[in-house]
Amino acid sequence: MIEATLVPSATALSVSPGQFVLVAFGDGARFRGCGEYHPFTVSGIADDGAIKLAIKALGPCSQRIQEIEPGVRVRVQGPFGTFLGETTAAPQLWVAGGVGITPFIAALRAHHRTQRTTLMYLFRQAADAAFLSELTTYANTGPQFILHAVETGKAPVDFPTLLQQVDQLAQHEVYICGPAPMVNALLPQLRQRGVNPQAIHFERFDFR
């Protein structure tokens, strides 16, 4: 996975953590872009309007983008989506699977947590755990932010055991981002433990 920084050449977009953009990468001196638009969640937002995109090699286009070079022109549409856009004062539980960490790292980079926030970051192996060092720093320096980094391997995730680590779970707003099988497995576990369905928000990463 790479993280690409896009610097605006005209008016900057107004982007919030949790949103995604449609991006078409052009050609460089040696790099040949995909041409067509693909969706990517924003992983960072700078004061000067630059945005960061974390791009994992999942399909033909995203694999090609791993070889991108500086100076490539891109076309950007958006932003789109409201994930993380409407939050309450309630404590929050974030659950990220793999590249689903991107909206949450964008939120942490944007501002310190002012409400108790627990992040469960699930990844198959340490090599897949993007931003883990940065997340650990946030957990060590932010009293309101708690990190549970979970290396799952290839076994099914034991959500009942993981959720026991969250005190007063039913009082939390829950935000989930990751592969559809992870989201589908977690939703009934949350409901069984008394989380209000209106307090559960999720994004499935199905695009390639």
Protein backbone atom coordinates (compact mmCIF):
# COMPACT_ATOMS: atom_id res chain seq x y z
CA MET A 1 0.00 0.00 0.00
CA ILE A 2 1.13 3.54 -0.71
CA GLU A 3 -0.09 6.89 0.55
CA ALA A 4 -0.24 9.50 -2.22
CA THR A 5 -0.44 13.25 -1.57
CA LEU A 6 -2.54 15.28 -4.02
CA VAL A 7 -1.83 19.01 -4.11
CA PRO A 8 -4.53 21.21 -5.71
CA SER A 9 -3.59 23.09 -8.87
CA ALA A 10 -6.78 25.19 -8.64
CA THR A 11 -9.41 25.70 -5.93
CA ALA A 12 -8.99 23.15 -3.15
CA LEU A 13 -11.77 20.75 -2.30
CA SER A 14 -13.56 21.04 1.03
CA VAL A 15 -13.08 17.56 2.46
CA SER A 16 -13.96 16.11 5.88
CA PRO A 17 -12.65 12.92 7.53
CA GLY A 18 -14.69 9.91 6.46
CA GLN A 19 -15.37 11.16 2.94
CA PHE A 20 -14.09 9.68 -0.31
CA VAL A 21 -13.20 11.10 -3.71
CA LEU A 22 -13.22 9.75 -7.25
CA VAL A 23 -9.75 9.97 -8.77
CA ALA A 24 -8.42 9.35 -12.28
CA PHE A 25 -4.63 9.15 -12.41
CA GLY A 26 -2.93 10.50 -15.52
CA ASP A 27 0.42 9.70 -17.09
CA GLY A 28 3.90 10.69 -15.93
CA ALA A 29 7.32 10.39 -17.49
CA ARG A 30 7.36 6.63 -16.91
CA PHE A 31 4.07 5.97 -15.11
CA ARG A 32 0.93 5.21 -17.13
CA GLY A 33 -2.29 5.99 -15.29
CA CYS A 34 -5.51 3.99 -15.29
CA GLY A 35 -7.50 6.77 -16.94
CA GLU A 36 -10.86 5.94 -15.39
CA TYR A 37 -12.16 7.18 -12.05
CA HIS A 38 -11.86 5.01 -8.93
CA PRO A 39 -13.05 5.76 -5.37
CA PHE A 40 -10.53 6.27 -2.57
CA THR A 41 -11.20 7.31 1.01
CA VAL A 42 -9.23 10.33 2.16
CA SER A 43 -6.59 9.45 4.77
CA GLY A 44 -5.36 12.97 5.51
CA ILE A 45 -6.36 16.61 4.97
CA ALA A 46 -3.83 19.47 5.08
CA ASP A 47 -4.49 23.13 5.80
CA ASP A 48 -3.29 24.07 2.29
CA GLY A 49 -5.93 21.85 0.66
CA ALA A 50 -3.68 18.89 -0.07
CA ILE A 51 -5.25 15.50 0.59
CA LYS A 52 -3.73 12.10 1.20
CA LEU A 53 -5.05 8.83 -0.23
CA ALA A 54 -4.06 5.42 1.14
CA ILE A 55 -4.16 3.06 -1.85
CA LYS A 56 -3.82 -0.68 -1.36
CA ALA A 57 -3.06 -3.03 -4.25
CA LEU A 58 -6.43 -4.77 -4.51
CA GLY A 59 -7.25 -4.70 -8.24
CA PRO A 60 -5.57 -3.96 -11.59
CA CYS A 61 -5.76 -0.17 -11.26
CA SER A 62 -4.73 0.06 -7.60
CA GLN A 63 -1.85 -2.34 -8.32
CA ARG A 64 -0.61 -0.07 -11.09
CA ILE A 65 -0.86 2.99 -8.84
CA GLN A 66 1.73 1.43 -6.50
CA GLU A 67 4.33 2.50 -9.09
CA ILE A 68 3.16 6.12 -9.33
CA GLU A 69 5.80 8.85 -9.57
CA PRO A 70 5.83 12.47 -8.32
CA GLY A 71 4.32 15.08 -10.62
CA VAL A 72 1.54 12.96 -12.11
CA ARG A 73 -1.61 14.97 -12.85
CA VAL A 74 -4.86 13.60 -11.46
CA ARG A 75 -8.49 14.51 -11.89
CA VAL A 76 -10.57 14.52 -8.72
CA GLN A 77 -14.34 14.54 -8.22
CA GLY A 78 -16.11 14.91 -4.91
CA PRO A 79 -15.96 14.68 -2.02
CA PHE A 80 -18.75 12.20 -1.30
CA GLY A 81 -20.19 10.45 1.73
CA THR A 82 -21.16 11.33 5.30
CA PHE A 83 -19.33 8.60 7.26
CA LEU A 84 -18.07 10.16 10.53
CA GLY A 85 -19.87 13.34 9.50
CA GLU A 86 -22.55 13.39 12.20
CA THR A 87 -21.22 12.49 15.64
CA THR A 88 -22.74 12.86 19.08
CA ALA A 89 -21.20 13.38 22.53
CA ALA A 90 -21.52 9.65 23.28
CA PRO A 91 -18.39 7.49 23.55
CA GLN A 92 -17.40 5.98 20.22
CA LEU A 93 -16.27 2.55 19.11
CA TRP A 94 -14.45 2.40 15.80
CA VAL A 95 -13.87 -0.96 14.11
CA ALA A 96 -11.50 -1.03 11.13
CA GLY A 97 -10.60 -4.00 8.97
CA GLY A 98 -7.44 -3.70 6.85
CA VAL A 99 -7.55 -0.67 4.56
CA GLY A 100 -10.75 0.32 6.35
CA ILE A 101 -8.47 2.19 8.73
CA THR A 102 -8.27 5.15 6.33
CA PRO A 103 -11.28 7.24 7.49
CA PHE A 104 -10.23 6.82 11.11
CA ILE A 105 -6.61 7.86 10.55
CA ALA A 106 -7.95 10.94 8.74
CA ALA A 107 -10.11 11.80 11.76
CA LEU A 108 -7.22 11.35 14.20
CA ARG A 109 -4.93 13.49 12.05
CA ALA A 110 -7.56 16.23 11.86
CA HIS A 111 -8.05 16.76 15.61
CA HIS A 112 -7.51 15.23 19.04
CA ARG A 113 -10.35 13.13 20.39
CA THR A 114 -12.49 15.07 22.86
CA GLN A 115 -14.69 12.08 23.69
CA ARG A 116 -13.69 8.58 24.70
CA THR A 117 -12.95 6.68 21.49
CA THR A 118 -11.93 3.03 21.22
CA LEU A 119 -10.45 1.76 17.96
CA MET A 120 -10.35 -1.96 17.19
CA TYR A 121 -7.97 -2.34 14.27
CA LEU A 122 -8.10 -5.80 12.70
CA PHE A 123 -5.44 -7.03 10.28
CA ARG A 124 -4.28 -10.46 9.14
CA GLN A 125 -0.58 -9.92 9.84
CA ALA A 126 1.67 -7.12 11.01
CA ALA A 127 2.82 -6.40 7.44
CA ASP A 128 -0.79 -5.49 6.57
CA ALA A 129 -1.18 -3.03 9.47
CA ALA A 130 -0.90 0.36 7.79
CA PHE A 131 -0.38 3.35 10.12
CA LEU A 132 0.06 1.12 13.18
CA SER A 133 3.04 3.09 14.51
CA GLU A 134 1.18 6.36 14.09
CA LEU A 135 -1.93 4.95 15.77
CA THR A 136 0.16 3.72 18.69
CA THR A 137 1.56 7.23 19.14
CA TYR A 138 -1.95 8.68 19.24
CA ALA A 139 -2.95 6.09 21.86
CA ASN A 140 0.12 6.86 23.99
CA THR A 141 -0.41 10.63 23.89
CA GLY A 142 -4.20 11.00 23.78
CA PRO A 143 -6.00 10.15 27.03
CA GLN A 144 -9.35 9.83 25.24
CA PHE A 145 -8.10 7.40 22.57
CA ILE A 146 -7.75 3.65 23.18
CA LEU A 147 -6.25 1.30 20.58
CA HIS A 148 -6.78 -2.46 20.32
CA ALA A 149 -4.57 -3.75 17.49
CA VAL A 150 -5.61 -7.32 16.65
CA GLU A 151 -3.66 -9.63 14.36
CA THR A 152 -6.31 -12.11 13.22
CA GLY A 153 -4.40 -14.40 10.87
CA LYS A 154 -6.74 -16.37 8.64
CA ALA A 155 -9.10 -17.43 11.44
CA PRO A 156 -12.57 -15.88 11.82
CA VAL A 157 -12.58 -12.88 14.14
CA ASP A 158 -13.80 -13.65 17.67
CA PHE A 159 -16.07 -10.63 17.99
CA PRO A 160 -17.80 -11.76 21.21
CA THR A 161 -14.46 -11.78 23.04
CA LEU A 162 -13.29 -8.51 21.48
CA LEU A 163 -16.48 -6.67 22.34
CA GLN A 164 -16.15 -7.67 26.00
CA GLN A 165 -13.18 -5.26 26.16
CA VAL A 166 -15.49 -2.26 25.65
CA ASP A 167 -17.11 -1.05 28.87
CA GLN A 168 -20.78 -0.06 28.60
CA LEU A 169 -20.86 -1.01 24.92
CA ALA A 170 -24.59 -0.29 24.57
CA GLN A 171 -23.95 3.41 25.25
CA HIS A 172 -21.52 3.78 22.33
CA GLU A 173 -21.89 5.14 18.85
CA VAL A 174 -20.28 2.52 16.60
CA TYR A 175 -18.52 3.18 13.29
CA ILE A 176 -17.38 0.23 11.18
CA CYS A 177 -15.27 0.28 8.03
CA GLY A 178 -13.83 -2.74 6.27
CA PRO A 179 -14.60 -5.74 4.09
CA ALA A 180 -18.24 -6.75 3.74
CA PRO A 181 -17.79 -10.15 5.50
CA MET A 182 -16.36 -8.40 8.56
CA VAL A 183 -19.19 -5.87 8.65
CA ASN A 184 -21.82 -8.58 8.20
CA ALA A 185 -20.34 -10.69 11.02
CA LEU A 186 -20.11 -7.78 13.45
CA LEU A 187 -23.55 -6.20 13.03
CA PRO A 188 -25.60 -8.96 14.73
CA GLN A 189 -23.06 -9.17 17.58
CA LEU A 190 -23.54 -5.48 18.33
CA ARG A 191 -27.32 -5.75 18.27
CA GLN A 192 -27.27 -8.76 20.59
CA ARG A 193 -25.30 -6.68 23.09
CA GLY A 194 -27.86 -3.90 23.17
CA VAL A 195 -26.37 -1.35 20.79
CA ASN A 196 -29.15 0.74 19.27
CA PRO A 197 -29.33 0.06 15.50
CA GLN A 198 -29.55 3.83 14.99
CA ALA A 199 -26.14 4.15 16.67
CA ILE A 200 -24.41 1.77 14.23
CA HIS A 201 -22.81 3.30 11.13
CA PHE A 202 -20.80 1.36 8.59
CA GLU A 203 -18.96 1.50 5.29
CA ARG A 204 -18.13 -1.60 3.25
CA PHE A 205 -14.95 -1.54 1.15
CA ASP A 206 -16.16 -3.39 -1.94
CA PHE A 207 -14.56 -1.27 -4.70
CA ARG A 208 -11.48 -2.36 -6.65
